Every structure is written in C-alpha cells, then in structure tokens.
Amino acid sequence: MKKKTIVVIAVIGVLAAAAAVSVFWIGKEKREKEAEDTALEALFLRDGSGETVGNYLFVDTRNQTPFTGPLEGSITDEQGEELEPWELENGDVVKIYGNGIMTMSYPGQYPGITKIVRIQKQNQELLEQYGELLKQFSYQEEASALPFLNLEYSQPQAVVTAAVNTTGGYRWEYENEAGETVSETTDAAFILQWNEYEEIKIPEHTDVKLVFSKEPEEITVTRYESSMQGQTEVSEAEQYGEPVTVTKEEEGSVMQAEPGYIYSVMAKWDNGEAEYGFQTFPMPSLQ
C-alpha cells in the first residue's frame, strides 16, 4: 500500500507541475498578445548624424499623428540585435511597445515607451510624405512642451516605469520662433479634489525615482492619506499633508513611498512650475 501511495503522490506532483507550466505559458501568451495589441507602428525622424540623435519625432503610420517619447528603453533591429538610439536612422519604421497612454497635446507625448523594434530601414516614401513634420515641431516641442514625469520603482520580480499623466495647475514660459515670450498658465483644484490620479501598486517602503524629461531645479513632495480624497475644505486638508524627503542621487531624484497615500509632486524650473499627482496601493498578496 505504501508503494501505491508514493506512486499516486508522484503522479499528482507531475500533474501539478504540468498545470503550473501550462498556466505560465497561457499567462505569457496573454501578456504577449496584450503587448502586441497596444503596440503601434511609427516612422522615426531625426536631424542628427553619427552618434548625435539631434531632434527627433515619431509619426504614427496608421493615423499620421506626430508624437514624441523617450529613447531610453530596449531598442532592437529586425533580427533582435540591440541598437543604440543613434543607430536608428532618419526614415526608419519602428514598432513601439509601452503602456499605450498618449497625452492629448500636439504633438502627442508617449512617456510610457518600454521597447522599440526597427522593422524597416529608411522608408523613402514615408520620409518624403512626413519628413517636414520634424522641422515643424522640433523647436516647438522642445521649447513649449511641459516636461513629463515617469516613476521608476521595483516590484517583486519586476522593475516598473509608470508615466504620470495626471497633472494639476502649471505655469510655463518659452520663446516662440519669432522670439516672443509666450506664457501659459492653468489653474487646478487642490490635489485631494482631483477626479483621478495615476495609480501604482507598490510594496511597503519602496524607493521611487522621479524621472523628468527636463530635470527641475526644485522638487517638493507632499503626501496625504487616501481616505482624505474628496475633502472640500482645502485649508483643513492642507494641514494634514506630510512632507516627503527627496534625495538627489547620480541617477536622479529619489523618494520613499508607502501604499495608501496620494502624492503631490511640485516641480520648479527657471521658466515655470507644475504639479503632478499619483496614488499608491498595496501589492496584492502572492499567496
């Protein structure tokens, strides 16, 4: 009887292992399908040469919409070989993977890019059709666009980059091509009265790197308990805000975050300031 029991247990163990492998591959296939569904095809434009990228712009080949985004993630060629950003050439067609969130500005901003795959080198037809867009927007985008903010942090078995697409009031000044100073100012409600926030799931005591497209001169972070969301008395809510220490490191500005809070990030530059907001939730249990 003991031998039979051992055999039965072994068979159950094999079946359990097979089931686990099956679930893993099904999950992997699902994630890959989701990634493909949100990927977009774009024309890459740049005015640099050699190892200088210069100004650059993407153009969505489906709807001809220009947009910008970071060249900081994985970049590969048609065979899967790693590429440096400057190895992408003017007129290359690429497939872009990310979180699928594009800002409503013009040109759009896609801060959540995670991977770029070149699928065609220097498409002359598309280049002739859309090449002038780079000249049109390169100066405007660099000067007038409000800097965007990414959050970089670690989860169990993963390093995450999250784009903060929820912003409050801001003031931004820049010179246009005519040399005139343009000032943009937008008012917004107190952060606890916002309708939505960028949501991230983190473990306790998580270091979060604040990565701006243009590094601010000053960063101030304040947190509020999530239970205070919707408070109507701003003066009362403000007094419960807790300052959060931001440490300047070689790779950027780092703060420590905890689940269960709404965070206000105030950034100041020599030509403006802006408020960004996000909310933290606990990581779901793996058990």
Protein backbone atom coordinates (compact mmCIF):
# COMPACT_ATOMS: atom_id res chain seq x y z
CA MET A 1 0.00 0.00 0.00
CA LYS A 2 2.84 2.37 0.77
CA LYS A 3 4.33 1.92 -2.70
CA LYS A 4 0.96 2.67 -4.31
CA THR A 5 0.62 5.79 -2.18
CA ILE A 6 4.03 7.00 -3.27
CA VAL A 7 3.17 6.40 -6.92
CA VAL A 8 -0.11 8.30 -6.57
CA ILE A 9 1.63 11.24 -4.89
CA ALA A 10 4.28 11.30 -7.60
CA VAL A 11 1.64 11.32 -10.33
CA ILE A 12 -0.21 14.16 -8.60
CA GLY A 13 3.05 16.07 -8.33
CA VAL A 14 3.75 15.65 -12.04
CA LEU A 15 0.22 16.77 -12.92
CA ALA A 16 0.53 19.81 -10.65
CA ALA A 17 3.83 20.76 -12.24
CA ALA A 18 2.36 20.33 -15.72
CA ALA A 19 -0.61 22.51 -14.75
CA ALA A 20 1.72 25.20 -13.40
CA VAL A 21 3.73 25.18 -16.63
CA SER A 22 0.51 25.39 -18.65
CA VAL A 23 -0.73 28.39 -16.61
CA PHE A 24 2.67 30.08 -17.02
CA TRP A 25 2.65 29.74 -20.80
CA ILE A 26 -1.00 30.77 -21.09
CA GLY A 27 -0.20 33.86 -18.99
CA LYS A 28 2.88 34.57 -21.08
CA GLU A 29 0.94 34.27 -24.32
CA LYS A 30 -1.76 36.55 -22.95
CA ARG A 31 0.80 39.19 -21.94
CA GLU A 32 2.48 38.99 -25.33
CA LYS A 33 -0.87 39.35 -27.12
CA GLU A 34 -1.76 42.38 -24.97
CA ALA A 35 1.63 43.92 -25.77
CA GLU A 36 1.07 43.38 -29.50
CA ASP A 37 -2.43 44.82 -29.28
CA THR A 38 -1.14 48.08 -27.76
CA ALA A 39 1.97 48.31 -29.98
CA LEU A 40 1.95 50.91 -32.73
CA GLU A 41 3.91 51.34 -35.95
CA ALA A 42 5.65 54.65 -36.48
CA LEU A 43 8.06 56.49 -38.75
CA PHE A 44 11.19 57.72 -36.96
CA LEU A 45 12.54 61.15 -37.91
CA ARG A 46 15.81 62.72 -36.70
CA ASP A 47 18.07 65.56 -37.79
CA GLY A 48 21.29 64.33 -36.18
CA SER A 49 24.17 62.42 -37.71
CA GLY A 50 26.63 59.83 -36.44
CA GLU A 51 26.29 59.35 -32.71
CA THR A 52 24.21 62.52 -32.32
CA VAL A 53 20.47 61.84 -32.42
CA GLY A 54 19.55 65.52 -32.54
CA ASN A 55 15.88 66.48 -32.60
CA TYR A 56 13.62 63.54 -33.29
CA LEU A 57 9.94 62.76 -33.78
CA PHE A 58 7.70 59.74 -34.32
CA VAL A 59 4.78 59.69 -36.76
CA ASP A 60 2.05 57.07 -36.28
CA THR A 61 1.72 55.39 -39.69
CA ARG A 62 -1.93 54.48 -39.07
CA ASN A 63 -3.33 57.94 -38.40
CA GLN A 64 -0.37 60.19 -39.40
CA THR A 65 -0.20 61.68 -35.89
CA PRO A 66 3.19 63.05 -34.74
CA PHE A 67 4.35 62.35 -31.19
CA THR A 68 7.46 62.33 -29.01
CA GLY A 69 8.75 59.81 -26.46
CA PRO A 70 11.94 58.68 -24.70
CA LEU A 71 14.64 56.59 -26.38
CA GLU A 72 15.67 55.01 -23.07
CA GLY A 73 14.18 51.50 -23.20
CA SER A 74 15.15 48.44 -25.22
CA ILE A 75 15.89 49.20 -28.88
CA THR A 76 16.50 46.32 -31.31
CA ASP A 77 16.81 45.77 -35.06
CA GLU A 78 14.94 43.35 -37.33
CA GLN A 79 17.00 40.39 -36.08
CA GLY A 80 16.60 41.25 -32.40
CA GLU A 81 20.10 42.71 -32.04
CA GLU A 82 20.48 45.58 -29.57
CA LEU A 83 20.77 49.09 -31.05
CA GLU A 84 21.95 52.37 -29.59
CA PRO A 85 19.46 55.24 -30.03
CA TRP A 86 21.72 56.97 -32.56
CA GLU A 87 21.70 53.82 -34.73
CA LEU A 88 18.05 54.47 -35.59
CA GLU A 89 18.18 56.38 -38.88
CA ASN A 90 16.00 59.11 -40.30
CA GLY A 91 13.14 57.36 -42.11
CA ASP A 92 13.29 54.04 -40.24
CA VAL A 93 9.96 52.37 -39.50
CA VAL A 94 9.67 51.05 -35.94
CA LYS A 95 7.23 49.15 -33.77
CA ILE A 96 6.72 50.78 -30.39
CA TYR A 97 5.65 48.96 -27.23
CA GLY A 98 4.53 50.57 -23.98
CA ASN A 99 1.58 51.29 -21.74
CA GLY A 100 -0.46 52.76 -24.61
CA ILE A 101 -1.09 56.10 -22.85
CA MET A 102 -0.63 59.13 -25.12
CA THR A 103 -1.10 62.71 -23.91
CA MET A 104 -3.64 64.94 -25.64
CA SER A 105 -1.05 67.59 -26.58
CA TYR A 106 0.02 68.26 -30.17
CA PRO A 107 2.35 66.72 -30.99
CA GLY A 108 1.44 63.98 -28.51
CA GLN A 109 3.78 62.70 -25.84
CA TYR A 110 4.23 58.97 -25.18
CA PRO A 111 6.30 58.83 -21.95
CA GLY A 112 5.50 55.14 -21.27
CA ILE A 113 7.56 53.64 -24.12
CA THR A 114 9.32 50.44 -22.98
CA LYS A 115 10.60 48.87 -26.21
CA ILE A 116 11.30 49.90 -29.80
CA VAL A 117 11.84 47.40 -32.62
CA ARG A 118 13.03 48.54 -36.04
CA ILE A 119 11.06 46.73 -38.71
CA GLN A 120 12.19 48.60 -41.83
CA LYS A 121 15.16 50.80 -42.71
CA GLN A 122 14.69 54.24 -44.27
CA ASN A 123 11.32 54.11 -45.97
CA GLN A 124 11.79 56.86 -48.57
CA GLU A 125 8.09 57.07 -49.45
CA LEU A 126 7.09 57.82 -45.85
CA LEU A 127 10.09 60.09 -45.41
CA GLU A 128 9.06 62.24 -48.37
CA GLN A 129 5.50 62.32 -47.07
CA TYR A 130 6.15 63.26 -43.44
CA GLY A 131 9.77 64.41 -43.24
CA GLU A 132 8.83 68.10 -42.97
CA LEU A 133 6.98 67.47 -39.70
CA LEU A 134 10.29 67.28 -37.84
CA LYS A 135 11.22 70.83 -38.85
CA GLN A 136 7.74 72.00 -37.92
CA PHE A 137 7.71 70.57 -34.41
CA SER A 138 11.29 70.12 -33.21
CA TYR A 139 11.69 73.67 -31.94
CA GLN A 140 8.09 73.95 -30.74
CA GLU A 141 8.15 70.64 -28.83
CA GLU A 142 11.45 71.34 -27.11
CA ALA A 143 10.55 74.85 -26.05
CA SER A 144 6.83 74.76 -25.35
CA ALA A 145 6.06 71.26 -24.05
CA LEU A 146 5.57 70.93 -20.31
CA PRO A 147 8.10 68.35 -19.01
CA PHE A 148 6.64 64.91 -18.33
CA LEU A 149 7.28 62.73 -15.28
CA ASN A 150 7.97 59.00 -15.08
CA LEU A 151 8.11 56.93 -11.88
CA GLU A 152 10.64 54.12 -11.69
CA TYR A 153 10.33 51.56 -8.88
CA SER A 154 10.72 47.85 -8.15
CA GLN A 155 8.05 45.24 -7.61
CA PRO A 156 8.76 41.60 -6.81
CA GLN A 157 10.42 40.16 -9.93
CA ALA A 158 9.96 43.36 -11.95
CA VAL A 159 11.24 46.90 -12.42
CA VAL A 160 8.38 49.21 -13.40
CA THR A 161 8.25 52.54 -15.23
CA ALA A 162 4.95 54.39 -14.87
CA ALA A 163 4.07 57.59 -16.70
CA VAL A 164 2.33 60.23 -14.55
CA ASN A 165 -0.35 61.59 -16.85
CA THR A 166 -2.35 63.38 -14.13
CA THR A 167 -1.22 66.96 -13.65
CA GLY A 168 -2.65 69.92 -11.81
CA GLY A 169 -2.00 73.61 -12.28
CA TYR A 170 1.10 74.81 -14.06
CA ARG A 171 2.89 77.91 -15.33
CA TRP A 172 5.19 77.63 -18.34
CA GLU A 173 7.06 80.32 -20.29
CA TYR A 174 9.02 79.92 -23.51
CA GLU A 175 10.15 81.84 -26.56
CA ASN A 176 8.47 81.04 -29.86
CA GLU A 177 10.21 81.05 -33.22
CA ALA A 178 9.57 84.78 -33.56
CA GLY A 179 11.49 85.45 -30.35
CA GLU A 180 8.33 86.39 -28.44
CA THR A 181 7.79 85.21 -24.87
CA VAL A 182 4.73 83.01 -24.54
CA SER A 183 3.26 82.32 -21.10
CA GLU A 184 0.81 79.51 -20.37
CA THR A 185 -0.96 79.29 -17.01
CA THR A 186 -3.53 76.72 -15.92
CA ASP A 187 -5.31 76.64 -12.57
CA ALA A 188 -6.45 73.38 -10.99
CA ALA A 189 -8.27 72.16 -7.91
CA PHE A 190 -6.44 71.11 -4.76
CA ILE A 191 -4.96 67.65 -5.31
CA LEU A 192 -7.41 65.86 -2.99
CA GLN A 193 -10.24 67.14 -5.17
CA TRP A 194 -8.89 65.74 -8.44
CA ASN A 195 -11.15 63.25 -10.24
CA GLU A 196 -8.34 60.77 -10.89
CA TYR A 197 -4.69 60.04 -10.22
CA GLU A 198 -2.04 57.88 -11.78
CA GLU A 199 -2.30 54.62 -9.78
CA ILE A 200 0.69 52.45 -8.87
CA LYS A 201 0.93 49.28 -6.76
CA ILE A 202 3.97 49.05 -4.54
CA PRO A 203 5.33 47.06 -1.58
CA GLU A 204 5.95 48.80 1.75
CA HIS A 205 8.93 51.19 1.90
CA THR A 206 9.52 51.46 -1.85
CA ASP A 207 12.16 53.76 -3.31
CA VAL A 208 10.64 55.64 -6.25
CA LYS A 209 12.80 57.52 -8.73
CA LEU A 210 11.32 60.73 -10.15
CA VAL A 211 12.45 60.93 -13.78
CA PHE A 212 11.56 64.19 -15.54
CA SER A 213 12.13 64.84 -19.24
CA LYS A 214 13.72 68.09 -18.07
CA GLU A 215 15.30 67.97 -14.61
CA PRO A 216 13.73 70.56 -12.26
CA GLU A 217 15.72 72.96 -10.11
CA GLU A 218 13.49 72.16 -7.12
CA ILE A 219 11.18 69.26 -6.20
CA THR A 220 8.74 69.28 -3.27
CA VAL A 221 6.69 66.17 -2.43
CA THR A 222 3.73 66.08 -0.03
CA ARG A 223 1.58 63.06 0.76
CA TYR A 224 -2.00 62.71 2.05
CA GLU A 225 -3.80 59.64 3.30
CA SER A 226 -6.05 58.23 0.57
CA SER A 227 -9.02 58.37 2.96
CA MET A 228 -8.88 62.17 2.65
CA GLN A 229 -9.71 62.11 -1.06
CA GLY A 230 -12.63 64.43 -1.84
CA GLN A 231 -12.07 66.75 1.11
CA THR A 232 -13.89 70.01 0.37
CA GLU A 233 -12.14 72.19 2.95
CA VAL A 234 -8.77 72.81 1.34
CA SER A 235 -7.31 74.68 4.31
CA GLU A 236 -8.22 71.80 6.61
CA ALA A 237 -6.84 69.16 4.28
CA GLU A 238 -3.56 71.01 3.70
CA GLN A 239 -2.58 70.85 7.34
CA TYR A 240 -2.63 67.05 7.24
CA GLY A 241 -0.15 66.86 4.39
CA GLU A 242 3.15 65.18 5.29
CA PRO A 243 6.37 66.35 3.62
CA VAL A 244 8.34 63.59 1.90
CA THR A 245 12.12 63.74 1.68
CA VAL A 246 13.53 63.79 -1.86
CA THR A 247 17.18 62.80 -2.21
CA LYS A 248 19.31 63.89 -5.14
CA GLU A 249 21.37 60.99 -6.48
CA GLU A 250 23.56 60.50 -9.54
CA GLU A 251 20.74 58.78 -11.43
CA GLY A 252 18.06 61.29 -10.44
CA SER A 253 15.78 62.28 -7.57
CA VAL A 254 14.56 59.51 -5.26
CA MET A 255 11.80 59.44 -2.65
CA GLN A 256 10.36 56.68 -0.49
CA ALA A 257 6.68 55.83 -0.98
CA GLU A 258 4.17 53.81 1.01
CA PRO A 259 0.86 52.25 -0.08
CA GLY A 260 -2.33 54.09 0.85
CA TYR A 261 -1.37 57.68 0.00
CA ILE A 262 -1.97 60.40 -2.56
CA TYR A 263 1.27 62.13 -3.53
CA SER A 264 1.65 65.69 -4.80
CA VAL A 265 4.90 66.38 -6.67
CA MET A 266 5.64 70.09 -7.17
CA ALA A 267 8.46 70.76 -9.64
CA LYS A 268 10.01 74.15 -10.41
CA TRP A 269 12.18 75.23 -13.33
CA ASP A 270 13.64 78.62 -14.15
CA ASN A 271 10.79 79.20 -16.60
CA GLY A 272 7.86 77.59 -14.83
CA GLU A 273 6.38 75.13 -12.36
CA ALA A 274 3.88 72.27 -12.36
CA GLU A 275 2.13 69.84 -10.04
CA TYR A 276 1.93 66.09 -10.74
CA GLY A 277 -0.14 63.60 -8.74
CA PHE A 278 -0.26 59.86 -8.17
CA GLN A 279 -1.87 57.42 -5.74
CA THR A 280 -0.33 54.31 -4.20
CA PHE A 281 -1.95 50.95 -3.46
CA PRO A 282 -0.56 47.84 -1.77
CA MET A 283 0.73 44.99 -3.90
CA PRO A 284 -1.77 42.10 -3.99
CA SER A 285 -0.75 39.08 -1.97
CA LEU A 286 1.02 36.30 -3.91
CA GLN A 287 -0.36 33.66 -1.55
